[in-house]
Amino acid sequence: MKPVVTKLEHMHKRWATMSIATIRMPDGITVLRDVEDHGCAAAVLPYDPLRRTALLVEQLRAPQLVSVGATHSLEAIAGCVEGEDDPAATARREALEEGGLRLGALEHVASAWSMPGVSTERMTLYLAEYRPEDRIADGGGVAHEDEQIRVVEMGLAKLATLMAAGDLVDMKTLVLVQALRLRRPELFN
């Protein structure tokens, strides 16, 4: 016998749906588990191999502000998969919206559960090369979403230094920077 969801009670619905799942375990015991659902997501770390830079975004994240008083978060470009989009289309759309960047080929890194203990979100991670001429807009996010995103172009060596010092604290960004370091170590010298 496998675990079975016997009831899913939606407690709150706005950007995310918060639910309580009632699960019957193989031994017959019933457990309650909180579930957050806002769909799947994609993230991309654009990098320029010639100038040895990466394009990231910085913005306020309310949970970090509430938890530790952090007023900004430096992150890889990311967003939720919408409608019929696939993760690659989402990564390209978000790169344009947030970074003003037109991306070509995407290099798949991984698809993974971002917070498997509470969230249904699976995030697909990509690396993508870019050149200065691929910056076709200012970026900053979509105005009606009030994201107040600041685009940050940073040297890869500095990005590695931030990571080594423990100052890069967003998990998707850590994974993407480490993936780039493993795949293209010469860019970090």
C-alpha atoms as a PDB file:
ATOM      1  CA  MET A   1       0.000   0.000   0.000  1.00  0.00           C
ATOM      2  CA  LYS A   2       1.257   3.472  -0.878  1.00  0.00           C
ATOM      3  CA  PRO A   3       0.546   6.778   0.897  1.00  0.00           C
ATOM      4  CA  VAL A   4      -2.733   8.292  -0.370  1.00  0.00           C
ATOM      5  CA  VAL A   5      -4.058  11.861  -0.183  1.00  0.00           C
ATOM      6  CA  THR A   6      -7.557  11.460   1.232  1.00  0.00           C
ATOM      7  CA  LYS A   7      -8.377  15.173   1.517  1.00  0.00           C
ATOM      8  CA  LEU A   8      -6.869  18.442   0.293  1.00  0.00           C
ATOM      9  CA  GLU A   9      -8.341  21.473   2.034  1.00  0.00           C
ATOM     10  CA  HIS A  10      -7.463  24.870   0.535  1.00  0.00           C
ATOM     11  CA  MET A  11      -6.933  27.344   3.361  1.00  0.00           C
ATOM     12  CA  HIS A  12      -5.736  30.408   1.419  1.00  0.00           C
ATOM     13  CA  LYS A  13      -5.511  31.338  -2.241  1.00  0.00           C
ATOM     14  CA  ARG A  14      -3.844  34.404  -3.732  1.00  0.00           C
ATOM     15  CA  TRP A  15      -0.517  34.193  -5.569  1.00  0.00           C
ATOM     16  CA  ALA A  16       0.000  30.835  -3.877  1.00  0.00           C
ATOM     17  CA  THR A  17      -2.481  28.285  -2.592  1.00  0.00           C
ATOM     18  CA  MET A  18      -1.938  27.086   0.954  1.00  0.00           C
ATOM     19  CA  SER A  19      -3.559  23.751   1.717  1.00  0.00           C
ATOM     20  CA  ILE A  20      -3.677  21.061   4.356  1.00  0.00           C
ATOM     21  CA  ALA A  21      -3.268  17.569   2.945  1.00  0.00           C
ATOM     22  CA  THR A  22      -4.694  14.624   4.858  1.00  0.00           C
ATOM     23  CA  ILE A  23      -2.577  11.588   3.989  1.00  0.00           C
ATOM     24  CA  ARG A  24      -3.241   7.956   4.864  1.00  0.00           C
ATOM     25  CA  MET A  25       0.131   6.279   5.371  1.00  0.00           C
ATOM     26  CA  PRO A  26       0.867   2.622   4.450  1.00  0.00           C
ATOM     27  CA  ASP A  27       0.478   1.590   8.104  1.00  0.00           C
ATOM     28  CA  GLY A  28      -3.010   3.144   8.228  1.00  0.00           C
ATOM     29  CA  ILE A  29      -2.044   6.207  10.269  1.00  0.00           C
ATOM     30  CA  THR A  30      -3.435   9.535   9.024  1.00  0.00           C
ATOM     31  CA  VAL A  31      -1.134  12.580   8.989  1.00  0.00           C
ATOM     32  CA  LEU A  32      -1.705  16.248   8.157  1.00  0.00           C
ATOM     33  CA  ARG A  33       0.821  18.145   6.024  1.00  0.00           C
ATOM     34  CA  ASP A  34       0.934  21.778   4.879  1.00  0.00           C
ATOM     35  CA  VAL A  35       1.303  22.259   1.126  1.00  0.00           C
ATOM     36  CA  GLU A  36       2.159  25.498  -0.687  1.00  0.00           C
ATOM     37  CA  ASP A  37       1.416  25.534  -4.418  1.00  0.00           C
ATOM     38  CA  HIS A  38       2.256  28.311  -6.880  1.00  0.00           C
ATOM     39  CA  GLY A  39       3.268  26.170  -9.835  1.00  0.00           C
ATOM     40  CA  CYS A  40       6.652  25.358 -11.330  1.00  0.00           C
ATOM     41  CA  ALA A  41       9.443  27.820 -12.056  1.00  0.00           C
ATOM     42  CA  ALA A  42      12.557  28.360 -14.138  1.00  0.00           C
ATOM     43  CA  ALA A  43      15.791  30.207 -13.418  1.00  0.00           C
ATOM     44  CA  VAL A  44      18.687  31.214 -15.631  1.00  0.00           C
ATOM     45  CA  LEU A  45      22.169  32.552 -14.987  1.00  0.00           C
ATOM     46  CA  PRO A  46      23.181  34.514 -18.085  1.00  0.00           C
ATOM     47  CA  TYR A  47      26.951  34.909 -18.447  1.00  0.00           C
ATOM     48  CA  ASP A  48      29.284  36.595 -20.907  1.00  0.00           C
ATOM     49  CA  PRO A  49      32.313  34.327 -21.423  1.00  0.00           C
ATOM     50  CA  LEU A  50      34.344  37.066 -23.131  1.00  0.00           C
ATOM     51  CA  ARG A  51      33.943  39.717 -20.437  1.00  0.00           C
ATOM     52  CA  ARG A  52      33.632  37.077 -17.688  1.00  0.00           C
ATOM     53  CA  THR A  53      30.494  38.586 -16.224  1.00  0.00           C
ATOM     54  CA  ALA A  54      27.061  37.382 -15.153  1.00  0.00           C
ATOM     55  CA  LEU A  55      23.752  39.203 -15.199  1.00  0.00           C
ATOM     56  CA  LEU A  56      21.750  38.950 -11.983  1.00  0.00           C
ATOM     57  CA  VAL A  57      18.884  40.805 -10.387  1.00  0.00           C
ATOM     58  CA  GLU A  58      18.476  42.360  -6.979  1.00  0.00           C
ATOM     59  CA  GLN A  59      15.130  42.888  -5.295  1.00  0.00           C
ATOM     60  CA  LEU A  60      13.274  42.904  -2.008  1.00  0.00           C
ATOM     61  CA  ARG A  61      12.009  39.513  -0.866  1.00  0.00           C
ATOM     62  CA  ALA A  62       9.353  39.880   1.838  1.00  0.00           C
ATOM     63  CA  PRO A  63      10.123  36.535   3.550  1.00  0.00           C
ATOM     64  CA  GLN A  64      13.791  37.529   3.951  1.00  0.00           C
ATOM     65  CA  LEU A  65      12.790  40.949   5.278  1.00  0.00           C
ATOM     66  CA  VAL A  66      10.410  39.372   7.787  1.00  0.00           C
ATOM     67  CA  SER A  67      12.845  36.614   8.786  1.00  0.00           C
ATOM     68  CA  VAL A  68      16.215  38.394   9.047  1.00  0.00           C
ATOM     69  CA  GLY A  69      15.624  42.021   8.062  1.00  0.00           C
ATOM     70  CA  ALA A  70      17.311  41.649   4.655  1.00  0.00           C
ATOM     71  CA  THR A  71      16.288  44.518   2.379  1.00  0.00           C
ATOM     72  CA  HIS A  72      17.469  42.956  -0.894  1.00  0.00           C
ATOM     73  CA  SER A  73      18.384  39.640  -2.440  1.00  0.00           C
ATOM     74  CA  LEU A  74      20.929  39.067  -5.228  1.00  0.00           C
ATOM     75  CA  GLU A  75      19.614  36.294  -7.460  1.00  0.00           C
ATOM     76  CA  ALA A  76      19.681  34.582 -10.811  1.00  0.00           C
ATOM     77  CA  ILE A  77      16.791  35.612 -13.054  1.00  0.00           C
ATOM     78  CA  ALA A  78      13.719  33.479 -12.333  1.00  0.00           C
ATOM     79  CA  GLY A  79       9.968  33.266 -12.594  1.00  0.00           C
ATOM     80  CA  CYS A  80       6.914  31.030 -12.557  1.00  0.00           C
ATOM     81  CA  VAL A  81       5.954  28.928 -15.546  1.00  0.00           C
ATOM     82  CA  GLU A  82       2.722  30.410 -16.891  1.00  0.00           C
ATOM     83  CA  GLY A  83      -0.022  28.869 -19.012  1.00  0.00           C
ATOM     84  CA  GLU A  84       1.269  26.717 -21.835  1.00  0.00           C
ATOM     85  CA  ASP A  85       4.882  27.873 -21.451  1.00  0.00           C
ATOM     86  CA  ASP A  86       7.612  25.364 -20.875  1.00  0.00           C
ATOM     87  CA  PRO A  87      10.491  26.140 -18.485  1.00  0.00           C
ATOM     88  CA  ALA A  88      12.789  27.262 -21.341  1.00  0.00           C
ATOM     89  CA  ALA A  89      10.198  29.772 -22.587  1.00  0.00           C
ATOM     90  CA  THR A  90       9.799  31.007 -19.014  1.00  0.00           C
ATOM     91  CA  ALA A  91      13.563  31.493 -18.624  1.00  0.00           C
ATOM     92  CA  ARG A  92      13.692  33.495 -21.862  1.00  0.00           C
ATOM     93  CA  ARG A  93      10.626  35.597 -20.941  1.00  0.00           C
ATOM     94  CA  GLU A  94      11.983  36.373 -17.473  1.00  0.00           C
ATOM     95  CA  ALA A  95      15.428  37.243 -18.868  1.00  0.00           C
ATOM     96  CA  LEU A  96      13.784  39.855 -21.072  1.00  0.00           C
ATOM     97  CA  GLU A  97      11.389  41.170 -18.398  1.00  0.00           C
ATOM     98  CA  GLU A  98      13.851  41.244 -15.499  1.00  0.00           C
ATOM     99  CA  GLY A  99      17.192  41.714 -17.223  1.00  0.00           C
ATOM    100  CA  GLY A 100      16.301  43.305 -20.571  1.00  0.00           C
ATOM    101  CA  LEU A 101      18.222  40.426 -22.091  1.00  0.00           C
ATOM    102  CA  ARG A 102      17.455  38.405 -25.219  1.00  0.00           C
ATOM    103  CA  LEU A 103      18.750  34.862 -24.761  1.00  0.00           C
ATOM    104  CA  GLY A 104      19.603  32.278 -27.390  1.00  0.00           C
ATOM    105  CA  ALA A 105      20.599  28.742 -26.459  1.00  0.00           C
ATOM    106  CA  LEU A 106      19.934  27.545 -22.929  1.00  0.00           C
ATOM    107  CA  GLU A 107      22.104  24.935 -21.234  1.00  0.00           C
ATOM    108  CA  HIS A 108      20.031  22.745 -18.911  1.00  0.00           C
ATOM    109  CA  VAL A 109      21.553  22.269 -15.465  1.00  0.00           C
ATOM    110  CA  ALA A 110      18.833  20.497 -13.475  1.00  0.00           C
ATOM    111  CA  SER A 111      15.153  20.281 -12.596  1.00  0.00           C
ATOM    112  CA  ALA A 112      14.689  19.979  -8.854  1.00  0.00           C
ATOM    113  CA  TRP A 113      12.209  20.490  -6.035  1.00  0.00           C
ATOM    114  CA  SER A 114      13.014  23.850  -4.455  1.00  0.00           C
ATOM    115  CA  MET A 115      11.445  23.125  -1.030  1.00  0.00           C
ATOM    116  CA  PRO A 116      10.213  19.495  -1.063  1.00  0.00           C
ATOM    117  CA  GLY A 117       9.023  19.593   2.530  1.00  0.00           C
ATOM    118  CA  VAL A 118       6.328  22.184   1.880  1.00  0.00           C
ATOM    119  CA  SER A 119       6.113  23.320  -1.760  1.00  0.00           C
ATOM    120  CA  THR A 120       4.992  21.735  -5.043  1.00  0.00           C
ATOM    121  CA  GLU A 121       7.443  23.954  -6.954  1.00  0.00           C
ATOM    122  CA  ARG A 122       9.911  22.233  -9.268  1.00  0.00           C
ATOM    123  CA  MET A 123      12.460  24.640 -10.673  1.00  0.00           C
ATOM    124  CA  THR A 124      14.315  24.088 -13.918  1.00  0.00           C
ATOM    125  CA  LEU A 125      17.759  25.698 -13.921  1.00  0.00           C
ATOM    126  CA  TYR A 126      19.668  26.937 -16.968  1.00  0.00           C
ATOM    127  CA  LEU A 127      22.915  28.634 -17.917  1.00  0.00           C
ATOM    128  CA  ALA A 128      22.955  30.874 -20.992  1.00  0.00           C
ATOM    129  CA  GLU A 129      25.679  32.810 -22.771  1.00  0.00           C
ATOM    130  CA  TYR A 130      25.009  36.423 -23.727  1.00  0.00           C
ATOM    131  CA  ARG A 131      26.854  39.352 -25.312  1.00  0.00           C
ATOM    132  CA  PRO A 132      26.455  43.098 -24.674  1.00  0.00           C
ATOM    133  CA  GLU A 133      24.341  43.443 -27.840  1.00  0.00           C
ATOM    134  CA  ASP A 134      21.813  40.986 -26.342  1.00  0.00           C
ATOM    135  CA  ARG A 135      20.848  43.668 -23.808  1.00  0.00           C
ATOM    136  CA  ILE A 136      17.899  45.065 -25.768  1.00  0.00           C
ATOM    137  CA  ALA A 137      15.914  46.700 -22.932  1.00  0.00           C
ATOM    138  CA  ASP A 138      16.394  48.088 -19.428  1.00  0.00           C
ATOM    139  CA  GLY A 139      14.811  45.155 -17.601  1.00  0.00           C
ATOM    140  CA  GLY A 140      13.593  45.754 -14.077  1.00  0.00           C
ATOM    141  CA  GLY A 141      10.498  43.562 -14.222  1.00  0.00           C
ATOM    142  CA  VAL A 142       6.933  44.143 -15.292  1.00  0.00           C
ATOM    143  CA  ALA A 143       5.601  47.485 -13.994  1.00  0.00           C
ATOM    144  CA  HIS A 144       2.225  46.175 -12.801  1.00  0.00           C
ATOM    145  CA  GLU A 145       3.942  43.529 -10.607  1.00  0.00           C
ATOM    146  CA  ASP A 146       5.730  46.191  -8.472  1.00  0.00           C
ATOM    147  CA  GLU A 147       8.886  44.064  -8.332  1.00  0.00           C
ATOM    148  CA  GLN A 148      11.336  46.997  -8.273  1.00  0.00           C
ATOM    149  CA  ILE A 149      14.122  44.881  -9.734  1.00  0.00           C
ATOM    150  CA  ARG A 150      17.615  46.246 -10.162  1.00  0.00           C
ATOM    151  CA  VAL A 151      19.773  44.629 -12.852  1.00  0.00           C
ATOM    152  CA  VAL A 152      23.309  43.791 -11.681  1.00  0.00           C
ATOM    153  CA  GLU A 153      26.116  42.829 -14.029  1.00  0.00           C
ATOM    154  CA  MET A 154      28.955  41.373 -11.992  1.00  0.00           C
ATOM    155  CA  GLY A 155      32.324  39.838 -12.696  1.00  0.00           C
ATOM    156  CA  LEU A 156      32.396  36.061 -12.270  1.00  0.00           C
ATOM    157  CA  ALA A 157      35.449  36.265  -9.994  1.00  0.00           C
ATOM    158  CA  LYS A 158      33.544  38.636  -7.676  1.00  0.00           C
ATOM    159  CA  LEU A 159      30.519  36.339  -7.780  1.00  0.00           C
ATOM    160  CA  ALA A 160      32.734  33.399  -6.735  1.00  0.00           C
ATOM    161  CA  THR A 161      34.195  35.529  -3.926  1.00  0.00           C
ATOM    162  CA  LEU A 162      30.692  36.359  -2.666  1.00  0.00           C
ATOM    163  CA  MET A 163      29.827  32.670  -2.726  1.00  0.00           C
ATOM    164  CA  ALA A 164      32.998  31.651  -0.883  1.00  0.00           C
ATOM    165  CA  ALA A 165      32.355  34.293   1.791  1.00  0.00           C
ATOM    166  CA  GLY A 166      28.804  33.050   2.367  1.00  0.00           C
ATOM    167  CA  ASP A 167      27.342  36.304   1.041  1.00  0.00           C
ATOM    168  CA  LEU A 168      25.443  34.690  -1.832  1.00  0.00           C
ATOM    169  CA  VAL A 169      22.438  33.236  -0.018  1.00  0.00           C
ATOM    170  CA  ASP A 170      19.874  32.357  -2.706  1.00  0.00           C
ATOM    171  CA  MET A 171      19.917  28.590  -3.315  1.00  0.00           C
ATOM    172  CA  LYS A 172      19.078  28.628  -7.053  1.00  0.00           C
ATOM    173  CA  THR A 173      21.838  31.177  -7.610  1.00  0.00           C
ATOM    174  CA  LEU A 174      24.334  29.124  -5.613  1.00  0.00           C
ATOM    175  CA  VAL A 175      23.545  26.034  -7.681  1.00  0.00           C
ATOM    176  CA  LEU A 176      23.859  27.921 -10.973  1.00  0.00           C
ATOM    177  CA  VAL A 177      27.127  29.643 -10.069  1.00  0.00           C
ATOM    178  CA  GLN A 178      28.592  26.339  -8.898  1.00  0.00           C
ATOM    179  CA  ALA A 179      27.406  24.601 -12.079  1.00  0.00           C
ATOM    180  CA  LEU A 180      29.084  27.287 -14.191  1.00  0.00           C
ATOM    181  CA  ARG A 181      32.285  26.994 -12.143  1.00  0.00           C
ATOM    182  CA  LEU A 182      32.336  23.226 -12.680  1.00  0.00           C
ATOM    183  CA  ARG A 183      31.556  23.433 -16.401  1.00  0.00           C
ATOM    184  CA  ARG A 184      33.666  26.497 -17.241  1.00  0.00           C
ATOM    185  CA  PRO A 185      36.322  26.935 -14.498  1.00  0.00           C
ATOM    186  CA  GLU A 186      38.541  29.038 -16.764  1.00  0.00           C
ATOM    187  CA  LEU A 187      35.974  31.877 -16.608  1.00  0.00           C
ATOM    188  CA  PHE A 188      36.592  32.381 -12.884  1.00  0.00           C
ATOM    189  CA  ASN A 189      40.372  32.968 -13.007  1.00  0.00           C
END
